[in-house]
N, C-alpha and C. Protein backbone atom coordinates (compact mmCIF):
# COMPACT_ATOMS: atom_id res chain seq x y z
N MET A 1 103.12 79.74 111.18
CA MET A 1 102.60 79.04 110.06
C MET A 1 102.46 80.63 109.23
N PHE A 2 102.72 79.35 107.74
CA PHE A 2 102.83 80.72 106.89
C PHE A 2 101.51 81.47 106.41
N PHE A 3 101.89 82.58 105.76
CA PHE A 3 100.68 82.67 104.93
C PHE A 3 100.95 83.23 103.55
N LEU A 4 100.48 83.11 102.63
CA LEU A 4 101.57 82.79 101.29
C LEU A 4 99.92 82.57 100.25
N LYS A 5 100.18 83.32 98.76
CA LYS A 5 98.83 83.59 98.17
C LYS A 5 99.73 81.63 97.51
N PRO A 6 98.11 80.93 96.76
CA PRO A 6 98.08 79.46 96.28
C PRO A 6 99.37 79.08 95.20
N GLU A 7 99.20 80.38 94.64
CA GLU A 7 101.12 80.41 93.29
C GLU A 7 102.48 80.46 94.00
N GLU A 8 101.90 80.99 95.57
CA GLU A 8 103.17 80.27 95.61
C GLU A 8 103.26 78.84 96.52
N LEU A 9 102.99 78.30 96.55
CA LEU A 9 102.59 76.88 96.76
C LEU A 9 103.15 76.61 96.06
N ASN A 10 104.18 75.90 95.90
CA ASN A 10 105.20 75.55 94.77
C ASN A 10 106.07 73.89 95.21
N ALA A 11 107.28 74.06 93.76
CA ALA A 11 108.52 72.92 95.14
C ALA A 11 109.14 73.51 95.71
N ASP A 12 109.50 75.22 95.86
CA ASP A 12 110.66 75.71 95.77
C ASP A 12 109.76 76.10 97.72
N PHE A 13 109.10 76.48 97.34
CA PHE A 13 108.72 76.10 99.33
C PHE A 13 108.54 75.06 99.95
N ILE A 14 107.84 73.96 99.46
CA ILE A 14 108.05 71.99 99.79
C ILE A 14 109.64 72.23 100.34
N ALA A 15 110.57 71.92 99.48
CA ALA A 15 111.67 72.15 99.90
C ALA A 15 112.03 72.68 100.49
N LEU A 16 111.94 74.45 101.06
CA LEU A 16 111.47 75.02 101.82
C LEU A 16 112.05 74.09 103.19
N ILE A 17 110.61 73.78 103.31
CA ILE A 17 109.36 73.07 104.47
C ILE A 17 110.62 72.14 104.67
N LYS A 18 110.86 71.67 103.66
CA LYS A 18 111.92 69.76 104.31
C LYS A 18 113.28 70.57 104.72
N LYS A 19 113.93 71.84 104.42
CA LYS A 19 115.53 72.20 104.65
C LYS A 19 114.69 72.06 106.39
N LEU A 20 113.74 73.16 106.61
CA LEU A 20 113.99 73.58 108.11
C LEU A 20 113.70 72.31 108.90
N PHE A 21 113.52 71.72 108.42
CA PHE A 21 112.34 70.17 109.55
C PHE A 21 113.30 68.93 109.32
N LYS A 22 114.56 69.49 108.78
CA LYS A 22 115.30 68.24 108.11
C LYS A 22 115.25 67.42 109.12
N ASN A 23 115.85 67.57 110.53
CA ASN A 23 115.82 66.57 111.43
C ASN A 23 114.70 66.63 112.04
N SER A 24 113.50 66.21 111.62
CA SER A 24 112.54 66.18 112.52
C SER A 24 112.36 64.45 112.15
N ARG A 25 111.37 63.92 112.47
CA ARG A 25 111.16 62.74 112.01
C ARG A 25 109.88 62.89 111.29
N GLN A 26 108.78 64.14 111.58
CA GLN A 26 107.04 63.90 111.68
C GLN A 26 107.14 65.20 111.21
N LEU A 27 105.89 65.89 109.93
CA LEU A 27 105.73 66.94 110.34
C LEU A 27 104.41 67.09 110.15
N GLN A 28 103.65 68.18 110.99
CA GLN A 28 102.24 68.42 110.62
C GLN A 28 102.54 69.61 110.57
N ILE A 29 101.11 69.33 109.33
CA ILE A 29 101.07 70.97 107.96
C ILE A 29 99.66 70.67 107.88
N SER A 30 98.99 72.22 108.57
CA SER A 30 97.95 72.66 107.72
C SER A 30 97.34 73.33 107.12
N ILE A 31 96.77 73.27 105.50
CA ILE A 31 96.31 74.26 104.38
C ILE A 31 94.78 74.16 105.15
N ALA A 32 94.52 75.56 104.25
CA ALA A 32 93.48 76.23 104.40
C ALA A 32 93.06 77.87 104.07
N ALA A 33 92.54 78.28 103.35
CA ALA A 33 91.86 79.10 102.73
C ALA A 33 92.24 80.01 104.26
N SER A 34 92.56 80.61 104.73
CA SER A 34 92.75 81.76 105.99
C SER A 34 90.99 82.59 106.31
N GLU A 35 90.43 82.73 104.53
CA GLU A 35 88.96 83.87 104.65
C GLU A 35 88.12 82.96 105.81
N GLU A 36 88.46 80.96 106.05
CA GLU A 36 87.39 80.11 106.61
C GLU A 36 87.94 80.26 107.72
N PHE A 37 88.63 81.01 108.45
CA PHE A 37 88.80 81.12 110.15
C PHE A 37 88.87 82.67 110.16
N GLY A 38 88.87 83.46 109.70
CA GLY A 38 88.01 84.72 109.86
C GLY A 38 90.00 85.84 110.60
N LEU A 39 90.52 84.60 109.97
CA LEU A 39 91.74 85.03 110.66
C LEU A 39 92.35 86.85 110.73
N LEU A 40 91.58 87.52 109.85
CA LEU A 40 92.10 88.50 108.91
C LEU A 40 90.92 89.71 109.88
N GLU A 41 90.26 89.16 110.45
CA GLU A 41 89.27 90.00 111.35
C GLU A 41 89.73 90.37 112.64
N LYS A 42 89.25 91.75 113.36
CA LYS A 42 90.23 92.14 115.16
C LYS A 42 89.75 90.86 116.03
N GLU A 43 90.35 90.29 116.45
CA GLU A 43 89.81 90.25 118.01
C GLU A 43 90.98 90.46 118.97
N SER A 44 90.00 90.22 120.20
CA SER A 44 90.36 90.60 121.35
C SER A 44 91.40 89.52 122.32
N ARG A 45 92.80 90.20 122.72
CA ARG A 45 94.02 89.24 123.07
C ARG A 45 93.48 87.90 124.20
N GLU A 46 92.22 87.99 124.47
CA GLU A 46 91.40 87.17 125.12
C GLU A 46 90.72 86.09 123.74
N LYS A 47 89.59 86.77 122.54
CA LYS A 47 88.85 86.13 121.82
C LYS A 47 90.66 84.82 121.65
N TYR A 48 91.75 85.90 120.47
CA TYR A 48 92.93 85.09 120.36
C TYR A 48 93.52 84.17 121.27
N SER A 49 93.30 83.95 123.00
CA SER A 49 93.96 82.88 123.44
C SER A 49 93.32 82.01 123.39
N GLU A 50 91.81 82.22 123.56
CA GLU A 50 90.93 80.75 123.46
C GLU A 50 90.68 80.11 122.24
N ARG A 51 90.49 80.92 121.05
CA ARG A 51 91.45 80.56 119.62
C ARG A 51 92.89 78.94 120.18
N ILE A 52 93.78 80.24 120.15
CA ILE A 52 94.91 78.99 120.05
C ILE A 52 95.07 78.25 121.56
N SER A 53 94.25 78.05 122.51
CA SER A 53 93.92 77.62 123.57
C SER A 53 93.43 76.17 122.87
N LYS A 54 92.27 76.56 122.12
CA LYS A 54 91.39 75.28 122.01
C LYS A 54 92.45 74.58 120.64
N ALA A 55 92.69 74.79 119.65
CA ALA A 55 93.64 74.05 118.74
C ALA A 55 94.84 73.90 119.18
N ALA A 56 95.36 74.15 120.38
CA ALA A 56 96.35 72.95 120.81
C ALA A 56 95.40 72.11 121.27
N ALA A 57 94.71 72.01 122.24
CA ALA A 57 94.02 70.98 122.88
C ALA A 57 93.06 70.04 121.40
N ASP A 58 92.98 70.64 120.40
CA ASP A 58 92.37 70.00 119.71
C ASP A 58 93.46 68.61 119.18
N MET A 59 95.15 69.51 118.40
CA MET A 59 95.99 69.11 117.88
C MET A 59 96.32 68.10 119.35
N ASP A 60 96.05 68.13 120.08
CA ASP A 60 97.04 66.73 121.60
C ASP A 60 96.03 65.65 121.77
N ALA A 61 94.42 66.42 121.25
CA ALA A 61 93.52 65.29 121.37
C ALA A 61 93.76 64.32 120.12
N GLY A 62 94.34 64.90 118.89
CA GLY A 62 93.92 64.41 118.01
C GLY A 62 92.84 64.49 117.01
N LYS A 63 92.28 65.49 117.41
CA LYS A 63 90.73 66.03 116.51
C LYS A 63 91.11 66.99 115.52
N ASN A 64 90.17 66.84 114.47
CA ASN A 64 90.23 67.79 113.08
C ASN A 64 92.11 68.14 112.87
N THR A 65 92.59 66.80 112.74
CA THR A 65 93.45 66.33 111.98
C THR A 65 94.31 65.26 111.02
N VAL A 66 94.76 65.59 110.56
CA VAL A 66 94.68 64.76 109.18
C VAL A 66 96.62 64.40 109.35
N THR A 67 96.86 63.41 109.29
CA THR A 67 98.34 62.83 109.12
C THR A 67 98.77 62.29 107.94
N ILE A 68 99.36 62.55 107.11
CA ILE A 68 100.36 62.10 106.24
C ILE A 68 102.09 61.77 106.13
N ASP A 69 101.97 61.14 105.17
CA ASP A 69 103.55 61.16 105.61
C ASP A 69 104.45 61.96 104.22
N GLU A 70 105.85 61.79 104.43
CA GLU A 70 106.34 62.63 102.98
C GLU A 70 106.22 62.43 101.37
N GLU A 71 106.30 60.70 101.78
CA GLU A 71 105.93 60.73 100.35
C GLU A 71 104.55 60.86 99.80
N GLU A 72 103.42 60.46 100.74
CA GLU A 72 101.68 61.57 100.55
C GLU A 72 102.52 62.66 100.46
N LEU A 73 102.81 63.19 100.98
CA LEU A 73 103.11 65.18 100.69
C LEU A 73 103.13 65.53 99.33
N ASP A 74 104.74 64.47 99.20
CA ASP A 74 105.28 64.99 97.69
C ASP A 74 104.30 64.21 96.73
N ASN A 75 103.09 63.24 96.48
CA ASN A 75 102.84 63.33 95.04
C ASN A 75 101.77 63.41 95.25
N MET A 76 101.44 64.34 96.43
CA MET A 76 100.47 65.02 96.50
C MET A 76 100.11 66.33 95.83
N VAL A 77 101.86 67.02 95.98
CA VAL A 77 101.71 68.20 95.69
C VAL A 77 102.36 68.70 93.87
N LEU A 78 103.10 67.28 94.11
CA LEU A 78 103.42 66.72 92.54
C LEU A 78 101.85 66.82 91.83
N SER A 79 101.02 66.41 92.27
CA SER A 79 99.97 66.12 90.98
C SER A 79 99.58 67.52 90.85
N LYS A 80 99.06 67.86 91.93
CA LYS A 80 98.66 69.60 91.65
C LYS A 80 99.44 70.69 91.06
N LEU A 81 100.44 70.04 90.73
CA LEU A 81 101.96 71.02 89.84
C LEU A 81 101.95 70.76 88.36
N LYS A 82 100.50 69.75 88.42
CA LYS A 82 100.78 69.17 86.52
C LYS A 82 100.13 70.04 86.18
């Protein structure tokens, strides 16, 4: 999980992601404002475990996910940089 400022989401960041996962056939990337999820709020170990378990179950079930290929991601990022 990366936490960054919106202005840091640029072509260099995308290049870094590509380099890190160059041997992967497919990536799954989720982008959201961290305030939307309360990630800065304190939570107990139990609540954290519940949240992570639910997120993993959602991913396994294909719920709350979006799938795009590398070309779609490139086009989306490049359009935002214009």
